[in-house]
Amino acid sequence: MFGPEGLPSNTYYGDGGEIPTDVMEHLRAAYRAASVRFDYQRDDVLVVDNMTAAHGREPFTGPRKIAVAMAEPHTPESTGDI
C-alpha cells in the first residue's frame, strides 16, 4: 500500500541497497536464537547497555509503570582514569 520507502521503519544496507529476503530471514533467525525472554516480577529493575545488546519488548496488556534513566557512556577520559 505505501511501498518500502513509506513504511514507518525499514532497514537498508549502508549504501541504500535493499536487503534481500533470504538475508533478512537469516538475521531474524539469528536474533531469535540469541534472544533471552523472561517475565517481569513486581518491583523488578532491568538495566540494558544499549552499546552491547539489542533489545525490545513483546506486546503487553495490563497496568504498568515504566521509569527510564539515560546517561552518557563511561569512558576513562571522562573521569581522568587514563
N, C-alpha and C. Protein backbone atom coordinates (compact mmCIF):
# COMPACT_ATOMS: atom_id res chain seq x y z
N MET A 1 0.82 -1.20 0.00
CA MET A 1 0.00 0.00 0.00
C MET A 1 0.86 1.26 0.00
N PHE A 2 1.93 1.31 0.84
CA PHE A 2 2.78 2.50 0.93
C PHE A 2 4.12 2.33 0.22
N GLY A 3 4.53 1.10 -0.05
CA GLY A 3 5.84 0.84 -0.62
C GLY A 3 6.90 0.86 0.47
N PRO A 4 8.07 0.27 0.22
CA PRO A 4 9.13 0.20 1.24
C PRO A 4 9.54 1.57 1.80
N GLU A 5 9.57 2.58 0.97
CA GLU A 5 10.00 3.91 1.44
C GLU A 5 8.97 4.56 2.36
N GLY A 6 7.71 4.13 2.28
CA GLY A 6 6.65 4.73 3.07
C GLY A 6 6.39 4.02 4.39
N LEU A 7 7.13 2.96 4.69
CA LEU A 7 6.94 2.24 5.95
C LEU A 7 7.49 3.06 7.11
N PRO A 8 6.90 2.88 8.32
CA PRO A 8 7.36 3.66 9.46
C PRO A 8 8.80 3.34 9.87
N SER A 9 9.24 2.12 9.62
CA SER A 9 10.65 1.79 9.86
C SER A 9 11.05 0.71 8.86
N ASN A 10 12.20 0.88 8.28
CA ASN A 10 12.70 -0.06 7.30
C ASN A 10 14.22 0.01 7.35
N THR A 11 14.88 -1.07 7.01
CA THR A 11 16.33 -1.13 7.10
C THR A 11 16.91 -1.43 5.72
N TYR A 12 18.00 -0.74 5.41
CA TYR A 12 18.70 -0.94 4.15
C TYR A 12 20.18 -1.12 4.43
N TYR A 13 20.92 -1.61 3.44
CA TYR A 13 22.37 -1.62 3.54
C TYR A 13 22.86 -0.18 3.63
N GLY A 14 24.09 0.01 4.08
CA GLY A 14 24.65 1.35 4.25
C GLY A 14 24.66 2.17 2.97
N ASP A 15 24.73 1.49 1.83
CA ASP A 15 24.74 2.23 0.56
C ASP A 15 23.32 2.50 0.05
N GLY A 16 22.30 2.15 0.85
CA GLY A 16 20.92 2.38 0.46
C GLY A 16 20.28 1.21 -0.28
N GLY A 17 21.08 0.16 -0.55
CA GLY A 17 20.55 -1.00 -1.26
C GLY A 17 19.60 -1.82 -0.40
N GLU A 18 18.64 -2.46 -1.04
CA GLU A 18 17.66 -3.28 -0.34
C GLU A 18 18.30 -4.58 0.14
N ILE A 19 17.94 -5.00 1.34
CA ILE A 19 18.46 -6.25 1.90
C ILE A 19 17.55 -7.38 1.40
N PRO A 20 18.11 -8.41 0.74
CA PRO A 20 17.30 -9.50 0.19
C PRO A 20 16.54 -10.25 1.29
N THR A 21 15.41 -10.83 0.92
CA THR A 21 14.56 -11.57 1.85
C THR A 21 15.31 -12.69 2.56
N ASP A 22 16.15 -13.46 1.83
CA ASP A 22 16.86 -14.57 2.47
C ASP A 22 17.84 -14.07 3.53
N VAL A 23 18.44 -12.92 3.31
CA VAL A 23 19.35 -12.34 4.31
C VAL A 23 18.55 -11.89 5.53
N MET A 24 17.40 -11.27 5.31
CA MET A 24 16.54 -10.84 6.43
C MET A 24 16.07 -12.04 7.24
N GLU A 25 15.71 -13.12 6.58
CA GLU A 25 15.29 -14.33 7.29
C GLU A 25 16.43 -14.88 8.15
N HIS A 26 17.64 -14.87 7.61
CA HIS A 26 18.82 -15.32 8.36
C HIS A 26 19.04 -14.43 9.59
N LEU A 27 18.95 -13.12 9.41
CA LEU A 27 19.15 -12.19 10.53
C LEU A 27 18.07 -12.36 11.60
N ARG A 28 16.83 -12.52 11.18
CA ARG A 28 15.74 -12.74 12.15
C ARG A 28 15.96 -14.02 12.94
N ALA A 29 16.40 -15.09 12.25
CA ALA A 29 16.66 -16.36 12.93
C ALA A 29 17.80 -16.21 13.94
N ALA A 30 18.84 -15.45 13.57
CA ALA A 30 19.96 -15.22 14.48
C ALA A 30 19.50 -14.45 15.72
N TYR A 31 18.67 -13.43 15.54
CA TYR A 31 18.13 -12.68 16.68
C TYR A 31 17.30 -13.59 17.58
N ARG A 32 16.42 -14.42 16.98
CA ARG A 32 15.60 -15.33 17.77
C ARG A 32 16.47 -16.30 18.56
N ALA A 33 17.52 -16.82 17.93
CA ALA A 33 18.40 -17.79 18.60
C ALA A 33 19.15 -17.16 19.77
N ALA A 34 19.44 -15.87 19.68
CA ALA A 34 20.20 -15.19 20.74
C ALA A 34 19.30 -14.51 21.77
N SER A 35 18.00 -14.60 21.58
CA SER A 35 17.06 -13.90 22.47
C SER A 35 16.98 -14.55 23.84
N VAL A 36 16.79 -13.71 24.82
CA VAL A 36 16.51 -14.15 26.18
C VAL A 36 15.17 -13.54 26.55
N ARG A 37 14.25 -14.36 26.97
CA ARG A 37 12.92 -13.88 27.34
C ARG A 37 12.66 -14.18 28.80
N PHE A 38 12.01 -13.28 29.46
CA PHE A 38 11.65 -13.51 30.87
C PHE A 38 10.40 -12.73 31.19
N ASP A 39 9.71 -13.15 32.23
CA ASP A 39 8.54 -12.44 32.70
C ASP A 39 8.96 -11.55 33.86
N TYR A 40 8.59 -10.29 33.79
CA TYR A 40 8.88 -9.38 34.89
C TYR A 40 8.10 -9.81 36.13
N GLN A 41 8.68 -9.59 37.27
CA GLN A 41 8.02 -9.77 38.55
C GLN A 41 7.87 -8.39 39.18
N ARG A 42 6.95 -8.25 40.10
CA ARG A 42 6.72 -6.98 40.77
C ARG A 42 8.04 -6.44 41.34
N ASP A 43 8.29 -5.16 41.13
CA ASP A 43 9.48 -4.43 41.61
C ASP A 43 10.77 -4.80 40.89
N ASP A 44 10.71 -5.54 39.78
CA ASP A 44 11.92 -5.83 39.00
C ASP A 44 12.50 -4.54 38.44
N VAL A 45 13.81 -4.55 38.28
CA VAL A 45 14.52 -3.45 37.62
C VAL A 45 15.36 -4.08 36.51
N LEU A 46 15.30 -3.50 35.34
CA LEU A 46 16.07 -4.01 34.21
C LEU A 46 17.04 -2.92 33.76
N VAL A 47 18.31 -3.28 33.65
CA VAL A 47 19.33 -2.36 33.16
C VAL A 47 19.84 -2.92 31.84
N VAL A 48 19.81 -2.11 30.79
CA VAL A 48 20.23 -2.53 29.47
C VAL A 48 21.36 -1.64 29.00
N ASP A 49 22.46 -2.24 28.57
CA ASP A 49 23.56 -1.50 27.96
C ASP A 49 23.29 -1.44 26.46
N ASN A 50 22.85 -0.29 25.99
CA ASN A 50 22.49 -0.14 24.58
C ASN A 50 23.66 -0.33 23.64
N MET A 51 24.88 -0.27 24.15
CA MET A 51 26.05 -0.42 23.28
C MET A 51 26.40 -1.89 23.06
N THR A 52 25.91 -2.78 23.92
CA THR A 52 26.29 -4.19 23.80
C THR A 52 25.13 -5.13 23.56
N ALA A 53 23.90 -4.63 23.60
CA ALA A 53 22.76 -5.53 23.46
C ALA A 53 21.66 -4.90 22.61
N ALA A 54 21.12 -5.70 21.71
CA ALA A 54 19.90 -5.29 21.02
C ALA A 54 18.76 -5.62 21.99
N HIS A 55 17.74 -4.81 22.02
CA HIS A 55 16.66 -5.08 22.96
C HIS A 55 15.33 -4.63 22.39
N GLY A 56 14.31 -5.18 22.94
CA GLY A 56 12.96 -4.85 22.52
C GLY A 56 11.99 -5.41 23.54
N ARG A 57 10.73 -5.40 23.20
CA ARG A 57 9.76 -5.98 24.11
C ARG A 57 8.63 -6.59 23.30
N GLU A 58 7.94 -7.52 23.93
CA GLU A 58 6.78 -8.13 23.32
C GLU A 58 5.55 -7.34 23.74
N PRO A 59 4.43 -7.54 23.04
CA PRO A 59 3.22 -6.82 23.41
C PRO A 59 2.84 -7.07 24.87
N PHE A 60 2.28 -6.06 25.50
CA PHE A 60 1.93 -6.13 26.91
C PHE A 60 0.55 -5.56 27.14
N THR A 61 -0.21 -6.19 28.00
CA THR A 61 -1.51 -5.64 28.40
C THR A 61 -1.55 -5.57 29.92
N GLY A 62 -2.33 -4.67 30.44
CA GLY A 62 -2.45 -4.53 31.89
C GLY A 62 -1.74 -3.29 32.38
N PRO A 63 -1.91 -3.00 33.68
CA PRO A 63 -1.27 -1.80 34.24
C PRO A 63 0.25 -1.96 34.34
N ARG A 64 0.95 -0.89 34.14
CA ARG A 64 2.41 -0.93 34.29
C ARG A 64 2.92 0.47 34.57
N LYS A 65 4.09 0.54 35.13
CA LYS A 65 4.77 1.80 35.38
C LYS A 65 6.18 1.64 34.84
N ILE A 66 6.58 2.54 33.97
CA ILE A 66 7.92 2.48 33.38
C ILE A 66 8.66 3.74 33.76
N ALA A 67 9.81 3.57 34.35
CA ALA A 67 10.69 4.69 34.67
C ALA A 67 11.98 4.49 33.86
N VAL A 68 12.45 5.54 33.21
CA VAL A 68 13.63 5.43 32.36
C VAL A 68 14.67 6.45 32.80
N ALA A 69 15.91 6.01 32.88
CA ALA A 69 17.04 6.91 33.14
C ALA A 69 18.07 6.64 32.05
N MET A 70 18.65 7.70 31.50
CA MET A 70 19.66 7.54 30.46
C MET A 70 20.89 8.34 30.85
N ALA A 71 22.04 7.88 30.40
CA ALA A 71 23.29 8.55 30.74
C ALA A 71 24.25 8.44 29.57
N GLU A 72 25.27 9.27 29.60
CA GLU A 72 26.34 9.17 28.61
C GLU A 72 27.20 7.95 28.95
N PRO A 73 27.81 7.31 27.94
CA PRO A 73 28.66 6.15 28.24
C PRO A 73 29.89 6.56 29.04
N HIS A 74 30.32 5.68 29.92
CA HIS A 74 31.53 5.92 30.70
C HIS A 74 32.75 5.68 29.83
N THR A 75 33.69 6.58 29.88
CA THR A 75 34.98 6.39 29.21
C THR A 75 36.07 6.79 30.20
N PRO A 76 37.24 6.17 30.12
CA PRO A 76 38.31 6.56 31.04
C PRO A 76 38.64 8.05 30.96
N GLU A 77 38.52 8.63 29.75
CA GLU A 77 38.82 10.05 29.59
C GLU A 77 37.86 10.93 30.38
N SER A 78 36.60 10.49 30.55
CA SER A 78 35.60 11.31 31.22
C SER A 78 35.86 11.42 32.72
N THR A 79 36.61 10.49 33.29
CA THR A 79 36.88 10.52 34.73
C THR A 79 38.36 10.77 35.05
N GLY A 80 39.16 10.94 34.03
CA GLY A 80 40.58 11.15 34.26
C GLY A 80 41.33 9.86 34.60
N ASP A 81 40.72 8.70 34.34
CA ASP A 81 41.33 7.41 34.66
C ASP A 81 42.20 6.88 33.52
N ILE A 82 42.85 7.73 32.79
CA ILE A 82 43.63 7.27 31.64
C ILE A 82 44.91 6.62 32.10
